[in-house]
Amino acid sequence: MSAVGMLALYLTIAAGLAGTFMLLAGRLSPKKPTPAKSKPYECGVSEAQPTQARWPVRFALVAMLFLVFDVEGLFFYPWAVQIRELGVQGLLAMGSFFAVLGVGYIYARGRGALRWH
């Protein structure tokens, strides 16, 4: 069997198992709703304000910064695996990528996006 066929088979099996497990969990899980279970709850602290209240934009900013730096950080792994084949040109390309990432980090830090108070 070819590599493409094996990949298709693997993805089909994985999707089938994921769907099966989701259906089983939905069908077999106990369903006993109570008013206490319906209240919002996060990180061990009950919500002190109504759920319709506005949440700070800072939360979204931190979440977006995490996604940006996390996703960009993922590009380092394939580069590190192929560094010998890429040679000096790959090193320069990754250096420029790292420089852009560093400038973004310095900008975010300078704007106070990483302060937790």
C-alpha atoms as a PDB file:
ATOM      1  CA  MET A   1       0.000   0.000   0.000  1.00  0.00           C
ATOM      2  CA  SER A   2       1.309   3.460  -0.847  1.00  0.00           C
ATOM      3  CA  ALA A   3       2.128   6.136   1.710  1.00  0.00           C
ATOM      4  CA  VAL A   4      -0.910   8.183   0.657  1.00  0.00           C
ATOM      5  CA  GLY A   5      -3.147   5.140   1.077  1.00  0.00           C
ATOM      6  CA  MET A   6      -1.705   4.437   4.520  1.00  0.00           C
ATOM      7  CA  LEU A   7      -2.241   8.061   5.537  1.00  0.00           C
ATOM      8  CA  ALA A   8      -5.834   7.980   4.309  1.00  0.00           C
ATOM      9  CA  LEU A   9      -6.446   4.739   6.195  1.00  0.00           C
ATOM     10  CA  TYR A  10      -4.900   6.169   9.361  1.00  0.00           C
ATOM     11  CA  LEU A  11      -6.978   9.366   9.149  1.00  0.00           C
ATOM     12  CA  THR A  12     -10.154   7.364   8.502  1.00  0.00           C
ATOM     13  CA  ILE A  13      -9.530   5.133  11.520  1.00  0.00           C
ATOM     14  CA  ALA A  14      -8.655   8.112  13.720  1.00  0.00           C
ATOM     15  CA  ALA A  15     -11.777  10.047  12.678  1.00  0.00           C
ATOM     16  CA  GLY A  16     -13.941   6.958  13.166  1.00  0.00           C
ATOM     17  CA  LEU A  17     -12.576   6.309  16.648  1.00  0.00           C
ATOM     18  CA  ALA A  18     -12.946   9.957  17.662  1.00  0.00           C
ATOM     19  CA  GLY A  19     -16.546  10.021  16.451  1.00  0.00           C
ATOM     20  CA  THR A  20     -17.338   6.719  18.161  1.00  0.00           C
ATOM     21  CA  PHE A  21     -15.882   7.884  21.475  1.00  0.00           C
ATOM     22  CA  MET A  22     -17.789  11.165  21.301  1.00  0.00           C
ATOM     23  CA  LEU A  23     -21.068   9.392  20.602  1.00  0.00           C
ATOM     24  CA  LEU A  24     -20.483   6.862  23.380  1.00  0.00           C
ATOM     25  CA  ALA A  25     -19.605   9.574  25.888  1.00  0.00           C
ATOM     26  CA  GLY A  26     -22.727  11.533  24.976  1.00  0.00           C
ATOM     27  CA  ARG A  27     -25.007   8.509  25.201  1.00  0.00           C
ATOM     28  CA  LEU A  28     -23.555   6.809  28.297  1.00  0.00           C
ATOM     29  CA  SER A  29     -22.779   9.808  30.499  1.00  0.00           C
ATOM     30  CA  PRO A  30     -25.150  10.474  33.398  1.00  0.00           C
ATOM     31  CA  LYS A  31     -27.447  13.449  32.934  1.00  0.00           C
ATOM     32  CA  LYS A  32     -28.704  14.857  36.233  1.00  0.00           C
ATOM     33  CA  PRO A  33     -28.839  18.638  35.817  1.00  0.00           C
ATOM     34  CA  THR A  34     -29.256  20.755  38.942  1.00  0.00           C
ATOM     35  CA  PRO A  35     -29.290  24.528  39.420  1.00  0.00           C
ATOM     36  CA  ALA A  36     -25.847  24.338  41.048  1.00  0.00           C
ATOM     37  CA  LYS A  37     -24.414  22.476  38.048  1.00  0.00           C
ATOM     38  CA  SER A  38     -25.870  25.040  35.666  1.00  0.00           C
ATOM     39  CA  LYS A  39     -23.995  27.944  37.303  1.00  0.00           C
ATOM     40  CA  PRO A  40     -20.803  29.177  35.657  1.00  0.00           C
ATOM     41  CA  TYR A  41     -17.648  27.783  37.240  1.00  0.00           C
ATOM     42  CA  GLU A  42     -14.010  28.265  36.396  1.00  0.00           C
ATOM     43  CA  CYS A  43     -10.760  27.438  38.191  1.00  0.00           C
ATOM     44  CA  GLY A  44     -12.388  26.570  41.507  1.00  0.00           C
ATOM     45  CA  VAL A  45     -14.082  29.938  41.972  1.00  0.00           C
ATOM     46  CA  SER A  46     -17.786  30.459  41.429  1.00  0.00           C
ATOM     47  CA  GLU A  47     -18.674  33.416  39.265  1.00  0.00           C
ATOM     48  CA  ALA A  48     -19.330  36.466  41.477  1.00  0.00           C
ATOM     49  CA  GLN A  49     -20.888  38.540  38.719  1.00  0.00           C
ATOM     50  CA  PRO A  50     -23.590  37.763  36.181  1.00  0.00           C
ATOM     51  CA  THR A  51     -22.503  35.776  33.161  1.00  0.00           C
ATOM     52  CA  GLN A  52     -23.639  38.522  30.819  1.00  0.00           C
ATOM     53  CA  ALA A  53     -21.072  40.936  32.294  1.00  0.00           C
ATOM     54  CA  ARG A  54     -18.312  42.152  30.032  1.00  0.00           C
ATOM     55  CA  TRP A  55     -14.921  40.562  30.435  1.00  0.00           C
ATOM     56  CA  PRO A  56     -11.772  42.613  30.103  1.00  0.00           C
ATOM     57  CA  VAL A  57     -10.133  42.973  26.721  1.00  0.00           C
ATOM     58  CA  ARG A  58      -6.820  42.152  28.398  1.00  0.00           C
ATOM     59  CA  PHE A  59      -7.915  38.507  28.565  1.00  0.00           C
ATOM     60  CA  ALA A  60      -8.330  38.386  24.787  1.00  0.00           C
ATOM     61  CA  LEU A  61      -5.006  40.177  24.296  1.00  0.00           C
ATOM     62  CA  VAL A  62      -3.122  37.657  26.416  1.00  0.00           C
ATOM     63  CA  ALA A  63      -4.872  34.786  24.623  1.00  0.00           C
ATOM     64  CA  MET A  64      -3.961  36.185  21.191  1.00  0.00           C
ATOM     65  CA  LEU A  65      -0.355  36.777  22.235  1.00  0.00           C
ATOM     66  CA  PHE A  66      -0.131  33.210  23.485  1.00  0.00           C
ATOM     67  CA  LEU A  67      -1.471  31.882  20.196  1.00  0.00           C
ATOM     68  CA  VAL A  68       0.855  34.039  18.113  1.00  0.00           C
ATOM     69  CA  PHE A  69       4.010  33.099  19.996  1.00  0.00           C
ATOM     70  CA  ASP A  70       2.992  29.469  20.419  1.00  0.00           C
ATOM     71  CA  VAL A  71       2.175  28.932  16.749  1.00  0.00           C
ATOM     72  CA  GLU A  72       5.276  30.773  15.602  1.00  0.00           C
ATOM     73  CA  GLY A  73       7.329  28.730  18.036  1.00  0.00           C
ATOM     74  CA  LEU A  74       6.094  25.572  16.313  1.00  0.00           C
ATOM     75  CA  PHE A  75       8.040  26.578  13.203  1.00  0.00           C
ATOM     76  CA  PHE A  76      11.319  26.040  15.052  1.00  0.00           C
ATOM     77  CA  TYR A  77      10.942  22.247  15.265  1.00  0.00           C
ATOM     78  CA  PRO A  78      10.894  21.395  11.530  1.00  0.00           C
ATOM     79  CA  TRP A  79      13.706  23.871  10.991  1.00  0.00           C
ATOM     80  CA  ALA A  80      15.806  22.198  13.693  1.00  0.00           C
ATOM     81  CA  VAL A  81      15.170  18.770  12.170  1.00  0.00           C
ATOM     82  CA  GLN A  82      16.237  19.901   8.673  1.00  0.00           C
ATOM     83  CA  ILE A  83      19.040  22.311   9.629  1.00  0.00           C
ATOM     84  CA  ARG A  84      21.812  20.344   7.893  1.00  0.00           C
ATOM     85  CA  GLU A  85      19.918  20.105   4.606  1.00  0.00           C
ATOM     86  CA  LEU A  86      18.940  23.787   4.669  1.00  0.00           C
ATOM     87  CA  GLY A  87      22.475  25.068   5.113  1.00  0.00           C
ATOM     88  CA  VAL A  88      23.367  28.728   5.469  1.00  0.00           C
ATOM     89  CA  GLN A  89      20.311  29.915   3.536  1.00  0.00           C
ATOM     90  CA  GLY A  90      18.007  28.133   5.992  1.00  0.00           C
ATOM     91  CA  LEU A  91      19.949  29.557   8.911  1.00  0.00           C
ATOM     92  CA  LEU A  92      19.555  33.079   7.543  1.00  0.00           C
ATOM     93  CA  ALA A  93      15.838  32.572   6.874  1.00  0.00           C
ATOM     94  CA  MET A  94      15.264  31.274  10.392  1.00  0.00           C
ATOM     95  CA  GLY A  95      17.375  34.075  11.827  1.00  0.00           C
ATOM     96  CA  SER A  96      15.185  36.652  10.110  1.00  0.00           C
ATOM     97  CA  PHE A  97      12.071  34.820  11.342  1.00  0.00           C
ATOM     98  CA  PHE A  98      13.470  34.848  14.877  1.00  0.00           C
ATOM     99  CA  ALA A  99      14.280  38.567  14.540  1.00  0.00           C
ATOM    100  CA  VAL A 100      10.687  39.370  13.527  1.00  0.00           C
ATOM    101  CA  LEU A 101       9.422  37.265  16.434  1.00  0.00           C
ATOM    102  CA  GLY A 102      11.791  39.102  18.777  1.00  0.00           C
ATOM    103  CA  VAL A 103      10.650  42.507  17.543  1.00  0.00           C
ATOM    104  CA  GLY A 104       7.034  41.463  18.171  1.00  0.00           C
ATOM    105  CA  TYR A 105       7.936  40.319  21.676  1.00  0.00           C
ATOM    106  CA  ILE A 106       9.762  43.570  22.449  1.00  0.00           C
ATOM    107  CA  TYR A 107       6.822  45.584  21.096  1.00  0.00           C
ATOM    108  CA  ALA A 108       4.275  43.625  23.164  1.00  0.00           C
ATOM    109  CA  ARG A 109       6.394  43.923  26.271  1.00  0.00           C
ATOM    110  CA  GLY A 110       6.910  47.645  25.732  1.00  0.00           C
ATOM    111  CA  ARG A 111       3.159  48.189  25.392  1.00  0.00           C
ATOM    112  CA  GLY A 112       2.607  46.393  28.714  1.00  0.00           C
ATOM    113  CA  ALA A 113       0.779  43.445  27.202  1.00  0.00           C
ATOM    114  CA  LEU A 114       2.680  40.957  29.377  1.00  0.00           C
ATOM    115  CA  ARG A 115       2.068  42.654  32.758  1.00  0.00           C
ATOM    116  CA  TRP A 116      -0.248  40.702  35.038  1.00  0.00           C
ATOM    117  CA  HIS A 117      -1.443  43.475  37.332  1.00  0.00           C
END
